Amino acid sequence: MAKKKKSEDFASKNIVFNLDNLERKLLKYHPSTREVEIKTQGEKGVQRIPFAHVPKEIKEIIRPL
């Protein structure tokens, strides 16, 4: 069985980006599932979206291996 990689926490870095005309904040990156956790400004709860849906400038910050 493959070894699970630990998720990377980006909540303290305050990385904010626009996606679908909404301001979103990057919280965590999960390398084992290639998903990111984001929080939309003004809404409750956290969403998980695929890494491929994140803007290019944010992907450069995360730099998955």
PDB file of N, CA and C in Angstrom:
ATOM      1  N   MET A   1       0.839  -1.181   0.000  1.00  0.00           N
ATOM      2  CA  MET A   1       0.000   0.000   0.000  1.00  0.00           C
ATOM      3  C   MET A   1       0.884   1.244   0.000  1.00  0.00           C
ATOM      4  N   ALA A   2       0.473   2.235  -0.724  1.00  0.00           N
ATOM      5  CA  ALA A   2       1.242   3.472  -0.839  1.00  0.00           C
ATOM      6  C   ALA A   2       1.219   4.255   0.469  1.00  0.00           C
ATOM      7  N   LYS A   3       2.311   4.940   0.718  1.00  0.00           N
ATOM      8  CA  LYS A   3       2.439   5.754   1.921  1.00  0.00           C
ATOM      9  C   LYS A   3       1.660   7.052   1.743  1.00  0.00           C
ATOM     10  N   LYS A   4       0.850   7.410   2.739  1.00  0.00           N
ATOM     11  CA  LYS A   4       0.077   8.655   2.671  1.00  0.00           C
ATOM     12  C   LYS A   4       0.979   9.837   2.981  1.00  0.00           C
ATOM     13  N   LYS A   5       0.868  10.868   2.167  1.00  0.00           N
ATOM     14  CA  LYS A   5       1.630  12.088   2.397  1.00  0.00           C
ATOM     15  C   LYS A   5       0.825  13.003   3.302  1.00  0.00           C
ATOM     16  N   LYS A   6       1.508  13.750   4.140  1.00  0.00           N
ATOM     17  CA  LYS A   6       0.837  14.676   5.046  1.00  0.00           C
ATOM     18  C   LYS A   6       0.326  15.891   4.284  1.00  0.00           C
ATOM     19  N   SER A   7      -0.795  16.418   4.740  1.00  0.00           N
ATOM     20  CA  SER A   7      -1.337  17.623   4.110  1.00  0.00           C
ATOM     21  C   SER A   7      -0.513  18.832   4.541  1.00  0.00           C
ATOM     22  N   GLU A   8      -0.452  19.815   3.649  1.00  0.00           N
ATOM     23  CA  GLU A   8       0.281  21.046   3.918  1.00  0.00           C
ATOM     24  C   GLU A   8      -0.712  22.136   4.302  1.00  0.00           C
ATOM     25  N   ASP A   9      -0.437  22.824   5.399  1.00  0.00           N
ATOM     26  CA  ASP A   9      -1.329  23.861   5.904  1.00  0.00           C
ATOM     27  C   ASP A   9      -0.887  25.227   5.377  1.00  0.00           C
ATOM     28  N   PHE A  10      -1.806  25.934   4.701  1.00  0.00           N
ATOM     29  CA  PHE A  10      -1.526  27.261   4.154  1.00  0.00           C
ATOM     30  C   PHE A  10      -2.398  28.343   4.796  1.00  0.00           C
ATOM     31  N   ALA A  11      -3.165  27.999   5.813  1.00  0.00           N
ATOM     32  CA  ALA A  11      -4.088  28.954   6.433  1.00  0.00           C
ATOM     33  C   ALA A  11      -3.351  30.161   7.022  1.00  0.00           C
ATOM     34  N   SER A  12      -2.186  29.939   7.593  1.00  0.00           N
ATOM     35  CA  SER A  12      -1.451  31.036   8.229  1.00  0.00           C
ATOM     36  C   SER A  12      -0.800  31.969   7.209  1.00  0.00           C
ATOM     37  N   LYS A  13      -0.640  31.519   5.961  1.00  0.00           N
ATOM     38  CA  LYS A  13       0.002  32.341   4.928  1.00  0.00           C
ATOM     39  C   LYS A  13      -0.960  33.315   4.255  1.00  0.00           C
ATOM     40  N   ASN A  14      -2.246  33.190   4.514  1.00  0.00           N
ATOM     41  CA  ASN A  14      -3.268  34.109   4.012  1.00  0.00           C
ATOM     42  C   ASN A  14      -3.201  34.256   2.480  1.00  0.00           C
ATOM     43  N   ILE A  15      -3.301  33.129   1.764  1.00  0.00           N
ATOM     44  CA  ILE A  15      -3.279  33.118   0.302  1.00  0.00           C
ATOM     45  C   ILE A  15      -4.712  33.244  -0.204  1.00  0.00           C
ATOM     46  N   VAL A  16      -5.013  34.377  -0.848  1.00  0.00           N
ATOM     47  CA  VAL A  16      -6.361  34.669  -1.330  1.00  0.00           C
ATOM     48  C   VAL A  16      -6.323  34.775  -2.849  1.00  0.00           C
ATOM     49  N   PHE A  17      -7.342  34.203  -3.509  1.00  0.00           N
ATOM     50  CA  PHE A  17      -7.426  34.261  -4.967  1.00  0.00           C
ATOM     51  C   PHE A  17      -8.889  34.318  -5.392  1.00  0.00           C
ATOM     52  N   ASN A  18      -9.117  34.724  -6.636  1.00  0.00           N
ATOM     53  CA  ASN A  18     -10.468  34.794  -7.187  1.00  0.00           C
ATOM     54  C   ASN A  18     -10.712  33.583  -8.069  1.00  0.00           C
ATOM     55  N   LEU A  19     -11.884  32.962  -7.884  1.00  0.00           N
ATOM     56  CA  LEU A  19     -12.300  31.827  -8.692  1.00  0.00           C
ATOM     57  C   LEU A  19     -13.799  31.954  -8.876  1.00  0.00           C
ATOM     58  N   ASP A  20     -14.250  32.011 -10.119  1.00  0.00           N
ATOM     59  CA  ASP A  20     -15.672  32.203 -10.443  1.00  0.00           C
ATOM     60  C   ASP A  20     -16.212  33.506  -9.843  1.00  0.00           C
ATOM     61  N   ASN A  21     -15.403  34.564  -9.896  1.00  0.00           N
ATOM     62  CA  ASN A  21     -15.760  35.894  -9.401  1.00  0.00           C
ATOM     63  C   ASN A  21     -16.053  35.922  -7.905  1.00  0.00           C
ATOM     64  N   LEU A  22     -15.521  34.966  -7.153  1.00  0.00           N
ATOM     65  CA  LEU A  22     -15.647  34.946  -5.699  1.00  0.00           C
ATOM     66  C   LEU A  22     -14.247  34.889  -5.092  1.00  0.00           C
ATOM     67  N   GLU A  23     -14.054  35.612  -4.002  1.00  0.00           N
ATOM     68  CA  GLU A  23     -12.769  35.617  -3.326  1.00  0.00           C
ATOM     69  C   GLU A  23     -12.683  34.398  -2.412  1.00  0.00           C
ATOM     70  N   ARG A  24     -11.603  33.624  -2.575  1.00  0.00           N
ATOM     71  CA  ARG A  24     -11.442  32.393  -1.808  1.00  0.00           C
ATOM     72  C   ARG A  24     -10.075  32.369  -1.140  1.00  0.00           C
ATOM     73  N   LYS A  25     -10.004  31.676  -0.001  1.00  0.00           N
ATOM     74  CA  LYS A  25      -8.758  31.575   0.758  1.00  0.00           C
ATOM     75  C   LYS A  25      -8.306  30.116   0.773  1.00  0.00           C
ATOM     76  N   LEU A  26      -7.035  29.895   0.474  1.00  0.00           N
ATOM     77  CA  LEU A  26      -6.455  28.557   0.481  1.00  0.00           C
ATOM     78  C   LEU A  26      -6.160  28.151   1.914  1.00  0.00           C
ATOM     79  N   LEU A  27      -6.646  26.972   2.322  1.00  0.00           N
ATOM     80  CA  LEU A  27      -6.420  26.494   3.677  1.00  0.00           C
ATOM     81  C   LEU A  27      -5.413  25.346   3.724  1.00  0.00           C
ATOM     82  N   LYS A  28      -5.650  24.277   2.955  1.00  0.00           N
ATOM     83  CA  LYS A  28      -4.777  23.107   2.977  1.00  0.00           C
ATOM     84  C   LYS A  28      -4.649  22.491   1.598  1.00  0.00           C
ATOM     85  N   TYR A  29      -3.539  21.793   1.400  1.00  0.00           N
ATOM     86  CA  TYR A  29      -3.327  20.999   0.196  1.00  0.00           C
ATOM     87  C   TYR A  29      -3.111  19.555   0.631  1.00  0.00           C
ATOM     88  N   HIS A  30      -3.864  18.644   0.029  1.00  0.00           N
ATOM     89  CA  HIS A  30      -3.767  17.219   0.328  1.00  0.00           C
ATOM     90  C   HIS A  30      -3.087  16.520  -0.851  1.00  0.00           C
ATOM     91  N   PRO A  31      -1.777  16.217  -0.742  1.00  0.00           N
ATOM     92  CA  PRO A  31      -1.059  15.631  -1.873  1.00  0.00           C
ATOM     93  C   PRO A  31      -1.491  14.213  -2.228  1.00  0.00           C
ATOM     94  N   SER A  32      -1.995  13.445  -1.277  1.00  0.00           N
ATOM     95  CA  SER A  32      -2.392  12.072  -1.581  1.00  0.00           C
ATOM     96  C   SER A  32      -3.628  12.024  -2.472  1.00  0.00           C
ATOM     97  N   THR A  33      -4.534  13.000  -2.337  1.00  0.00           N
ATOM     98  CA  THR A  33      -5.740  13.041  -3.168  1.00  0.00           C
ATOM     99  C   THR A  33      -5.681  14.149  -4.215  1.00  0.00           C
ATOM    100  N   ARG A  34      -4.616  14.969  -4.191  1.00  0.00           N
ATOM    101  CA  ARG A  34      -4.442  16.111  -5.112  1.00  0.00           C
ATOM    102  C   ARG A  34      -5.650  17.041  -5.052  1.00  0.00           C
ATOM    103  N   GLU A  35      -6.077  17.393  -3.837  1.00  0.00           N
ATOM    104  CA  GLU A  35      -7.180  18.326  -3.621  1.00  0.00           C
ATOM    105  C   GLU A  35      -6.722  19.446  -2.696  1.00  0.00           C
ATOM    106  N   VAL A  36      -7.419  20.585  -2.792  1.00  0.00           N
ATOM    107  CA  VAL A  36      -7.159  21.703  -1.892  1.00  0.00           C
ATOM    108  C   VAL A  36      -8.436  22.039  -1.129  1.00  0.00           C
ATOM    109  N   GLU A  37      -8.260  22.478   0.096  1.00  0.00           N
ATOM    110  CA  GLU A  37      -9.381  22.968   0.896  1.00  0.00           C
ATOM    111  C   GLU A  37      -9.396  24.478   0.773  1.00  0.00           C
ATOM    112  N   ILE A  38     -10.574  25.023   0.464  1.00  0.00           N
ATOM    113  CA  ILE A  38     -10.708  26.467   0.333  1.00  0.00           C
ATOM    114  C   ILE A  38     -11.912  26.936   1.131  1.00  0.00           C
ATOM    115  N   LYS A  39     -11.869  28.185   1.501  1.00  0.00           N
ATOM    116  CA  LYS A  39     -12.991  28.824   2.189  1.00  0.00           C
ATOM    117  C   LYS A  39     -13.384  30.045   1.376  1.00  0.00           C
ATOM    118  N   THR A  40     -14.671  30.145   1.048  1.00  0.00           N
ATOM    119  CA  THR A  40     -15.173  31.284   0.295  1.00  0.00           C
ATOM    120  C   THR A  40     -15.512  32.400   1.272  1.00  0.00           C
ATOM    121  N   GLN A  41     -15.072  33.624   0.957  1.00  0.00           N
ATOM    122  CA  GLN A  41     -15.343  34.781   1.814  1.00  0.00           C
ATOM    123  C   GLN A  41     -16.849  34.991   1.920  1.00  0.00           C
ATOM    124  N   GLY A  42     -17.336  35.165   3.129  1.00  0.00           N
ATOM    125  CA  GLY A  42     -18.745  35.440   3.352  1.00  0.00           C
ATOM    126  C   GLY A  42     -19.611  34.200   3.468  1.00  0.00           C
ATOM    127  N   GLU A  43     -19.044  33.016   3.354  1.00  0.00           N
ATOM    128  CA  GLU A  43     -19.799  31.775   3.478  1.00  0.00           C
ATOM    129  C   GLU A  43     -19.211  30.935   4.594  1.00  0.00           C
ATOM    130  N   LYS A  44     -20.058  30.088   5.182  1.00  0.00           N
ATOM    131  CA  LYS A  44     -19.587  29.177   6.223  1.00  0.00           C
ATOM    132  C   LYS A  44     -19.160  27.871   5.581  1.00  0.00           C
ATOM    133  N   GLY A  45     -18.270  27.179   6.244  1.00  0.00           N
ATOM    134  CA  GLY A  45     -17.850  25.870   5.774  1.00  0.00           C
ATOM    135  C   GLY A  45     -16.645  25.917   4.860  1.00  0.00           C
ATOM    136  N   VAL A  46     -16.125  24.732   4.597  1.00  0.00           N
ATOM    137  CA  VAL A  46     -14.928  24.567   3.782  1.00  0.00           C
ATOM    138  C   VAL A  46     -15.263  23.646   2.619  1.00  0.00           C
ATOM    139  N   GLN A  47     -14.713  23.952   1.447  1.00  0.00           N
ATOM    140  CA  GLN A  47     -14.914  23.122   0.263  1.00  0.00           C
ATOM    141  C   GLN A  47     -13.599  22.461  -0.100  1.00  0.00           C
ATOM    142  N   ARG A  48     -13.685  21.283  -0.717  1.00  0.00           N
ATOM    143  CA  ARG A  48     -12.510  20.623  -1.295  1.00  0.00           C
ATOM    144  C   ARG A  48     -12.696  20.589  -2.797  1.00  0.00           C
ATOM    145  N   ILE A  49     -11.701  21.118  -3.515  1.00  0.00           N
ATOM    146  CA  ILE A  49     -11.759  21.112  -4.972  1.00  0.00           C
ATOM    147  C   ILE A  49     -10.491  20.464  -5.508  1.00  0.00           C
ATOM    148  N   PRO A  50     -10.526  19.938  -6.729  1.00  0.00           N
ATOM    149  CA  PRO A  50      -9.320  19.360  -7.324  1.00  0.00           C
ATOM    150  C   PRO A  50      -8.235  20.414  -7.526  1.00  0.00           C
ATOM    151  N   PHE A  51      -6.994  19.986  -7.391  1.00  0.00           N
ATOM    152  CA  PHE A  51      -5.850  20.873  -7.562  1.00  0.00           C
ATOM    153  C   PHE A  51      -5.843  21.499  -8.948  1.00  0.00           C
ATOM    154  N   ALA A  52      -6.326  20.782  -9.947  1.00  0.00           N
ATOM    155  CA  ALA A  52      -6.323  21.266 -11.326  1.00  0.00           C
ATOM    156  C   ALA A  52      -7.214  22.492 -11.525  1.00  0.00           C
ATOM    157  N   HIS A  53      -8.152  22.753 -10.634  1.00  0.00           N
ATOM    158  CA  HIS A  53      -9.074  23.875 -10.764  1.00  0.00           C
ATOM    159  C   HIS A  53      -8.532  25.164 -10.135  1.00  0.00           C
ATOM    160  N   VAL A  54      -7.383  25.090  -9.512  1.00  0.00           N
ATOM    161  CA  VAL A  54      -6.780  26.246  -8.850  1.00  0.00           C
ATOM    162  C   VAL A  54      -6.019  27.067  -9.897  1.00  0.00           C
ATOM    163  N   PRO A  55      -6.055  28.408  -9.793  1.00  0.00           N
ATOM    164  CA  PRO A  55      -5.312  29.252 -10.751  1.00  0.00           C
ATOM    165  C   PRO A  55      -3.807  28.962 -10.743  1.00  0.00           C
ATOM    166  N   LYS A  56      -3.162  29.222 -11.878  1.00  0.00           N
ATOM    167  CA  LYS A  56      -1.751  28.894 -12.074  1.00  0.00           C
ATOM    168  C   LYS A  56      -0.839  29.560 -11.045  1.00  0.00           C
ATOM    169  N   GLU A  57      -1.111  30.809 -10.697  1.00  0.00           N
ATOM    170  CA  GLU A  57      -0.243  31.499  -9.739  1.00  0.00           C
ATOM    171  C   GLU A  57      -0.297  30.851  -8.349  1.00  0.00           C
ATOM    172  N   ILE A  58      -1.406  30.245  -7.995  1.00  0.00           N
ATOM    173  CA  ILE A  58      -1.527  29.548  -6.712  1.00  0.00           C
ATOM    174  C   ILE A  58      -0.816  28.196  -6.794  1.00  0.00           C
ATOM    175  N   LYS A  59      -0.895  27.541  -7.939  1.00  0.00           N
ATOM    176  CA  LYS A  59      -0.198  26.267  -8.120  1.00  0.00           C
ATOM    177  C   LYS A  59       1.306  26.443  -7.951  1.00  0.00           C
ATOM    178  N   GLU A  60       1.835  27.558  -8.400  1.00  0.00           N
ATOM    179  CA  GLU A  60       3.266  27.830  -8.263  1.00  0.00           C
ATOM    180  C   GLU A  60       3.661  28.003  -6.792  1.00  0.00           C
ATOM    181  N   ILE A  61       2.762  28.505  -5.982  1.00  0.00           N
ATOM    182  CA  ILE A  61       3.036  28.668  -4.544  1.00  0.00           C
ATOM    183  C   ILE A  61       3.044  27.303  -3.855  1.00  0.00           C
ATOM    184  N   ILE A  62       2.104  26.449  -4.222  1.00  0.00           N
ATOM    185  CA  ILE A  62       1.978  25.139  -3.580  1.00  0.00           C
ATOM    186  C   ILE A  62       3.115  24.212  -4.002  1.00  0.00           C
ATOM    187  N   ARG A  63       3.445  24.176  -5.294  1.00  0.00           N
ATOM    188  CA  ARG A  63       4.508  23.358  -5.863  1.00  0.00           C
ATOM    189  C   ARG A  63       4.493  21.914  -5.379  1.00  0.00           C
ATOM    190  N   PRO A  64       3.528  21.128  -5.777  1.00  0.00           N
ATOM    191  CA  PRO A  64       3.504  19.725  -5.335  1.00  0.00           C
ATOM    192  C   PRO A  64       4.628  18.915  -5.993  1.00  0.00           C
ATOM    193  N   LEU A  65       5.074  17.900  -5.292  1.00  0.00           N
ATOM    194  CA  LEU A  65       6.140  17.051  -5.834  1.00  0.00           C
ATOM    195  C   LEU A  65       5.574  15.781  -6.382  1.00  0.00           C
TER     196      LEU A  65
END
